[in-house]
């Protein structure tokens, strides 16, 4: 009987030790090859570029369907290696898009955090606003965008409004969920210290919700950029979306690909910026 128990315990210990051993092995490999993740990323990008170039040259894909890397690089160079004030370059349209994205992102974030906090703190506010918030989110933004352009005009206002609208919901939901998930023991501790509702919110609930809020902010920054570009497609005088439409009108596919490369790099940069702020704010 004792031997059977000891054997079962030994088997269980062995099974539990396997993941730990594998984890230690993974850490040792990462220690021996510190740049392995970067090497894998570069290798993946290289394979994509090689497949792209082979598809163009070996399969004779027309340039209006898939331009070569050389053509895209020329379009990038023609728009980047110019004066920032040159209207033929990418800097002015990109600045117009990013500035409106940033303004709309800030507006949407502030409104979402305030309303999400009120909904989490007051049950009546949650019952009043939550159905409308979900109803608004369920509507297709492409259908709402023409109305926003009509209401706000063809200038920067419509772009800011679209960016704020697409930022609002993910930040709202994450703020609400983060505050609701605060540990009750911490709230009870603040109550035992005779802390006010505002003190409990500021010192306990908001820090507990910070990881959730930053998850919403990371999604919101990408949605804000998409909303701005959608508004530019529907009617704008300047912006990177206008540049894409002008290139599509004359079947300048290399320029379209060049702008998409720029937008991809900008999206990655914005995500890294939010992640850097998150690392500084959420030190724990």
Protein backbone atom coordinates (compact mmCIF):
# COMPACT_ATOMS: atom_id res chain seq x y z
CA UNK A 1 0.00 0.00 0.00
CA UNK A 2 2.76 2.39 1.00
CA UNK A 3 4.76 1.44 -2.09
CA UNK A 4 1.76 2.20 -4.32
CA UNK A 5 1.26 5.61 -2.73
CA UNK A 6 4.93 6.43 -3.07
CA UNK A 7 4.87 5.34 -6.69
CA UNK A 8 1.84 7.51 -7.45
CA UNK A 9 3.47 10.47 -5.78
CA UNK A 10 6.66 9.92 -7.75
CA UNK A 11 4.70 9.75 -11.02
CA UNK A 12 2.82 12.94 -10.16
CA UNK A 13 6.05 14.73 -9.26
CA UNK A 14 7.58 13.57 -12.53
CA UNK A 15 4.62 14.90 -14.53
CA UNK A 16 4.77 18.22 -12.71
CA UNK A 17 8.50 18.44 -13.24
CA UNK A 18 8.26 18.06 -17.01
CA UNK A 19 6.76 21.51 -17.71
CA UNK A 20 9.22 23.11 -15.32
CA UNK A 21 12.08 21.31 -17.04
CA UNK A 22 10.79 22.41 -20.45
CA UNK A 23 10.44 25.97 -19.18
CA UNK A 24 14.00 25.93 -17.88
CA UNK A 25 15.19 24.52 -21.21
CA UNK A 26 13.39 27.33 -23.06
CA UNK A 27 14.98 29.91 -20.80
CA UNK A 28 18.41 28.37 -21.36
CA UNK A 29 17.91 28.47 -25.14
CA UNK A 30 16.84 32.12 -24.97
CA UNK A 31 19.89 32.82 -22.82
CA UNK A 32 22.22 31.09 -25.29
CA UNK A 33 20.53 32.76 -28.28
CA UNK A 34 19.33 36.16 -26.98
CA UNK A 35 18.35 37.39 -30.44
CA UNK A 36 16.45 34.27 -31.50
CA UNK A 37 13.04 35.99 -31.57
CA UNK A 38 14.44 38.81 -33.67
CA UNK A 39 16.14 36.34 -36.02
CA UNK A 40 12.86 34.46 -36.49
CA UNK A 41 11.05 37.72 -37.26
CA UNK A 42 13.66 38.77 -39.81
CA UNK A 43 13.62 35.30 -41.39
CA UNK A 44 9.83 35.43 -41.72
CA UNK A 45 9.95 38.87 -43.33
CA UNK A 46 12.68 37.67 -45.71
CA UNK A 47 10.57 34.69 -46.78
CA UNK A 48 7.58 36.96 -47.48
CA UNK A 49 9.70 39.34 -49.58
CA UNK A 50 11.31 36.47 -51.51
CA UNK A 51 7.89 34.90 -52.20
CA UNK A 52 6.60 38.30 -53.31
CA UNK A 53 9.45 38.89 -55.73
CA UNK A 54 9.32 35.36 -57.16
CA UNK A 55 5.56 35.68 -57.70
CA UNK A 56 6.07 38.87 -59.69
CA UNK A 57 8.92 37.66 -61.90
CA UNK A 58 8.28 33.94 -62.30
CA UNK A 59 4.49 33.98 -62.50
CA UNK A 60 4.39 37.17 -64.59
CA UNK A 61 1.89 38.87 -62.28
CA UNK A 62 0.96 42.28 -63.79
CA UNK A 63 2.20 45.33 -61.90
CA UNK A 64 -1.35 46.67 -61.55
CA UNK A 65 -2.15 43.53 -59.54
CA UNK A 66 1.07 43.09 -57.56
CA UNK A 67 3.96 45.50 -58.17
CA UNK A 68 7.54 44.44 -57.62
CA UNK A 69 9.45 45.38 -54.49
CA UNK A 70 11.63 47.66 -56.60
CA UNK A 71 8.59 49.62 -57.83
CA UNK A 72 7.25 49.99 -54.29
CA UNK A 73 10.68 51.10 -53.08
CA UNK A 74 10.83 53.75 -55.81
CA UNK A 75 7.40 55.04 -54.78
CA UNK A 76 8.51 55.16 -51.16
CA UNK A 77 11.67 57.03 -52.06
CA UNK A 78 9.82 59.52 -54.26
CA UNK A 79 7.49 60.40 -51.38
CA UNK A 80 9.94 60.27 -48.47
CA UNK A 81 13.14 61.78 -49.85
CA UNK A 82 11.56 65.18 -50.39
CA UNK A 83 11.06 68.30 -48.32
CA UNK A 84 8.44 67.88 -45.57
CA UNK A 85 6.63 70.90 -47.03
CA UNK A 86 6.50 69.36 -50.52
CA UNK A 87 2.87 68.62 -51.43
CA UNK A 88 3.94 65.71 -53.65
CA UNK A 89 5.46 63.87 -50.70
CA UNK A 90 3.88 61.78 -47.97
CA UNK A 91 4.67 64.03 -45.00
CA UNK A 92 1.83 66.55 -45.26
CA UNK A 93 -0.91 63.94 -45.80
CA UNK A 94 0.53 61.75 -43.06
CA UNK A 95 0.69 64.68 -40.64
CA UNK A 96 -2.93 65.57 -41.39
CA UNK A 97 -4.04 62.00 -40.72
CA UNK A 98 -1.97 61.48 -37.59
CA UNK A 99 -2.83 64.83 -36.00
CA UNK A 100 -6.56 64.21 -36.40
CA UNK A 101 -6.11 60.64 -35.19
CA UNK A 102 -4.34 61.85 -32.05
CA UNK A 103 -7.01 64.45 -31.25
CA UNK A 104 -9.86 61.99 -31.77
CA UNK A 105 -7.99 59.33 -29.78
CA UNK A 106 -7.57 61.63 -26.78
CA UNK A 107 -11.21 62.75 -26.89
CA UNK A 108 -12.51 59.19 -27.20
CA UNK A 109 -10.21 57.95 -24.44
CA UNK A 110 -11.17 60.65 -21.93
CA UNK A 111 -14.91 60.20 -22.55
CA UNK A 112 -14.61 56.40 -22.35
CA UNK A 113 -12.68 56.40 -19.07
CA UNK A 114 -15.05 58.92 -17.46
CA UNK A 115 -18.23 57.14 -18.57
CA UNK A 116 -16.79 53.67 -17.90
CA UNK A 117 -15.88 54.74 -14.38
CA UNK A 118 -19.34 56.21 -13.77
CA UNK A 119 -20.99 53.04 -15.07
CA UNK A 120 -18.86 50.88 -12.79
CA UNK A 121 -19.45 53.09 -9.76
CA UNK A 122 -23.18 53.74 -10.15
CA UNK A 123 -25.62 51.00 -11.10
CA UNK A 124 -28.18 53.49 -12.40
CA UNK A 125 -25.66 54.98 -14.85
CA UNK A 126 -24.76 51.48 -16.07
CA UNK A 127 -28.41 50.59 -16.74
CA UNK A 128 -28.94 53.92 -18.48
CA UNK A 129 -25.87 53.97 -20.77
CA UNK A 130 -24.75 50.38 -21.36
CA UNK A 131 -27.57 49.41 -23.79
CA UNK A 132 -26.91 52.49 -25.91
CA UNK A 133 -23.17 51.83 -25.88
CA UNK A 134 -23.63 48.27 -27.16
CA UNK A 135 -26.21 49.38 -29.70
CA UNK A 136 -23.78 51.99 -31.03
CA UNK A 137 -20.96 49.47 -31.22
CA UNK A 138 -23.12 46.96 -33.11
CA UNK A 139 -23.79 49.44 -35.90
CA UNK A 140 -21.41 49.14 -38.89
CA UNK A 141 -19.06 52.11 -38.80
CA UNK A 142 -19.00 52.30 -42.59
CA UNK A 143 -22.72 53.05 -42.44
CA UNK A 144 -22.29 55.68 -39.72
CA UNK A 145 -19.36 57.40 -41.41
CA UNK A 146 -21.41 59.14 -44.15
CA UNK A 147 -23.71 60.60 -41.49
CA UNK A 148 -20.73 61.89 -39.53
CA UNK A 149 -19.33 63.50 -42.67
CA UNK A 150 -22.71 65.15 -43.32
CA UNK A 151 -23.00 66.38 -39.73
CA UNK A 152 -19.38 67.47 -39.25
CA UNK A 153 -18.43 68.48 -42.79
CA UNK A 154 -15.60 67.44 -45.07
CA UNK A 155 -12.83 68.96 -42.97
CA UNK A 156 -10.94 67.75 -39.94
CA UNK A 157 -14.01 67.61 -37.71
CA UNK A 158 -15.40 64.46 -39.34
CA UNK A 159 -12.03 62.72 -39.10
CA UNK A 160 -11.69 63.58 -35.41
CA UNK A 161 -15.24 62.41 -34.74
CA UNK A 162 -14.66 59.05 -36.45
CA UNK A 163 -11.39 58.52 -34.59
CA UNK A 164 -13.06 59.34 -31.26
CA UNK A 165 -16.02 57.07 -32.02
CA UNK A 166 -13.88 54.03 -32.84
CA UNK A 167 -11.65 54.64 -29.83
CA UNK A 168 -14.53 55.04 -27.43
CA UNK A 169 -16.03 51.56 -27.15
CA UNK A 170 -12.94 49.35 -26.50
CA UNK A 171 -11.67 51.76 -23.85
CA UNK A 172 -15.15 52.06 -22.29
CA UNK A 173 -15.65 48.30 -21.99
CA UNK A 174 -12.16 47.68 -20.63
CA UNK A 175 -12.45 50.49 -18.10
CA UNK A 176 -15.79 49.16 -16.88
CA UNK A 177 -14.51 45.57 -16.68
CA UNK A 178 -11.29 46.61 -14.96
CA UNK A 179 -13.02 48.58 -12.21
CA UNK A 180 -15.60 45.83 -11.72
CA UNK A 181 -12.80 43.26 -11.26
CA UNK A 182 -11.23 45.08 -8.32
CA UNK A 183 -10.68 42.67 -5.42
CA UNK A 184 -13.34 43.05 -2.75
CA UNK A 185 -10.74 42.65 0.01
CA UNK A 186 -9.04 45.87 -1.11
CA UNK A 187 -12.35 47.72 -1.16
CA UNK A 188 -13.17 46.38 2.32
CA UNK A 189 -9.78 47.57 3.55
CA UNK A 190 -10.43 51.09 2.27
CA UNK A 191 -13.87 51.02 3.89
CA UNK A 192 -12.31 50.02 7.21
CA UNK A 193 -10.03 53.04 6.90
CA UNK A 194 -13.09 55.28 6.40
CA UNK A 195 -11.96 56.20 2.87
CA UNK A 196 -14.39 58.10 0.68
CA UNK A 197 -15.73 56.71 -2.61
CA UNK A 198 -13.39 59.00 -4.54
CA UNK A 199 -10.36 57.94 -2.49
CA UNK A 200 -11.22 54.28 -3.01
CA UNK A 201 -11.63 54.85 -6.74
CA UNK A 202 -8.39 56.78 -7.12
CA UNK A 203 -6.15 54.65 -4.88
CA UNK A 204 -7.56 51.17 -5.44
CA UNK A 205 -10.01 50.77 -8.31
CA UNK A 206 -8.27 52.85 -10.96
CA UNK A 207 -4.82 51.22 -10.40
CA UNK A 208 -6.49 47.78 -10.47
CA UNK A 209 -8.20 48.67 -13.75
CA UNK A 210 -5.02 50.08 -15.34
CA UNK A 211 -4.02 46.83 -17.17
CA UNK A 212 -7.54 46.59 -18.61
CA UNK A 213 -7.55 50.25 -19.62
CA UNK A 214 -4.23 49.96 -21.41
CA UNK A 215 -5.49 46.89 -23.27
CA UNK A 216 -8.33 49.06 -24.53
CA UNK A 217 -5.91 51.88 -25.37
CA UNK A 218 -3.77 49.54 -27.46
CA UNK A 219 -6.82 48.51 -29.49
CA UNK A 220 -8.20 52.03 -29.60
CA UNK A 221 -5.13 53.62 -31.19
CA UNK A 222 -5.39 51.27 -34.18
CA UNK A 223 -9.14 51.82 -34.48
CA UNK A 224 -8.64 55.59 -34.29
CA UNK A 225 -6.27 55.48 -37.27
CA UNK A 226 -8.72 53.33 -39.24
CA UNK A 227 -11.58 55.70 -38.44
CA UNK A 228 -9.62 58.69 -39.66
CA UNK A 229 -8.75 56.98 -42.94
CA UNK A 230 -12.39 55.91 -43.47
CA UNK A 231 -13.49 59.53 -43.02
CA UNK A 232 -10.84 60.64 -45.52
CA UNK A 233 -12.14 58.12 -48.03
CA UNK A 234 -15.64 59.57 -47.80
CA UNK A 235 -14.62 63.17 -48.22
CA UNK A 236 -11.52 65.10 -47.22
CA UNK A 237 -9.17 67.61 -48.78
CA UNK A 238 -5.98 66.19 -47.32
CA UNK A 239 -4.80 63.03 -45.64
CA UNK A 240 -3.15 59.71 -46.32
CA UNK A 241 -6.54 58.25 -47.28
CA UNK A 242 -6.85 60.92 -49.95
CA UNK A 243 -3.39 59.93 -51.23
CA UNK A 244 -4.54 56.31 -51.55
CA UNK A 245 -7.69 57.34 -53.42
CA UNK A 246 -5.73 59.53 -55.82
CA UNK A 247 -3.31 56.68 -56.54
CA UNK A 248 -6.16 54.23 -57.09
CA UNK A 249 -7.84 56.64 -59.50
CA UNK A 250 -4.85 56.49 -61.87
CA UNK A 251 -4.08 52.79 -61.15
CA UNK A 252 -0.82 53.69 -59.41
CA UNK A 253 -0.65 50.45 -57.42
CA UNK A 254 3.01 50.87 -56.31
CA UNK A 255 2.05 54.10 -54.54
CA UNK A 256 -0.86 52.34 -52.85
CA UNK A 257 1.51 49.65 -51.59
CA UNK A 258 4.02 52.28 -50.49
CA UNK A 259 1.36 54.07 -48.43
CA UNK A 260 0.25 50.77 -46.92
CA UNK A 261 3.85 50.07 -45.87
CA UNK A 262 4.00 53.50 -44.23
CA UNK A 263 0.69 52.92 -42.43
CA UNK A 264 1.90 49.53 -41.22
CA UNK A 265 5.06 51.08 -39.77
CA UNK A 266 3.03 53.89 -38.20
CA UNK A 267 0.65 51.37 -36.62
CA UNK A 268 3.52 49.40 -35.14
CA UNK A 269 5.11 52.61 -33.87
CA UNK A 270 1.89 53.74 -32.17
CA UNK A 271 1.45 50.33 -30.55
CA UNK A 272 5.03 50.43 -29.24
CA UNK A 273 4.47 53.95 -27.89
CA UNK A 274 1.39 52.85 -25.92
CA UNK A 275 3.30 49.79 -24.68
CA UNK A 276 6.17 52.00 -23.50
CA UNK A 277 3.76 54.27 -21.61
CA UNK A 278 2.11 51.18 -20.12
CA UNK A 279 5.48 49.87 -18.89
CA UNK A 280 6.16 53.18 -17.14
CA UNK A 281 2.70 53.63 -15.64
CA UNK A 282 2.06 50.02 -14.56
CA UNK A 283 5.37 49.37 -12.82
CA UNK A 284 4.00 46.52 -10.78
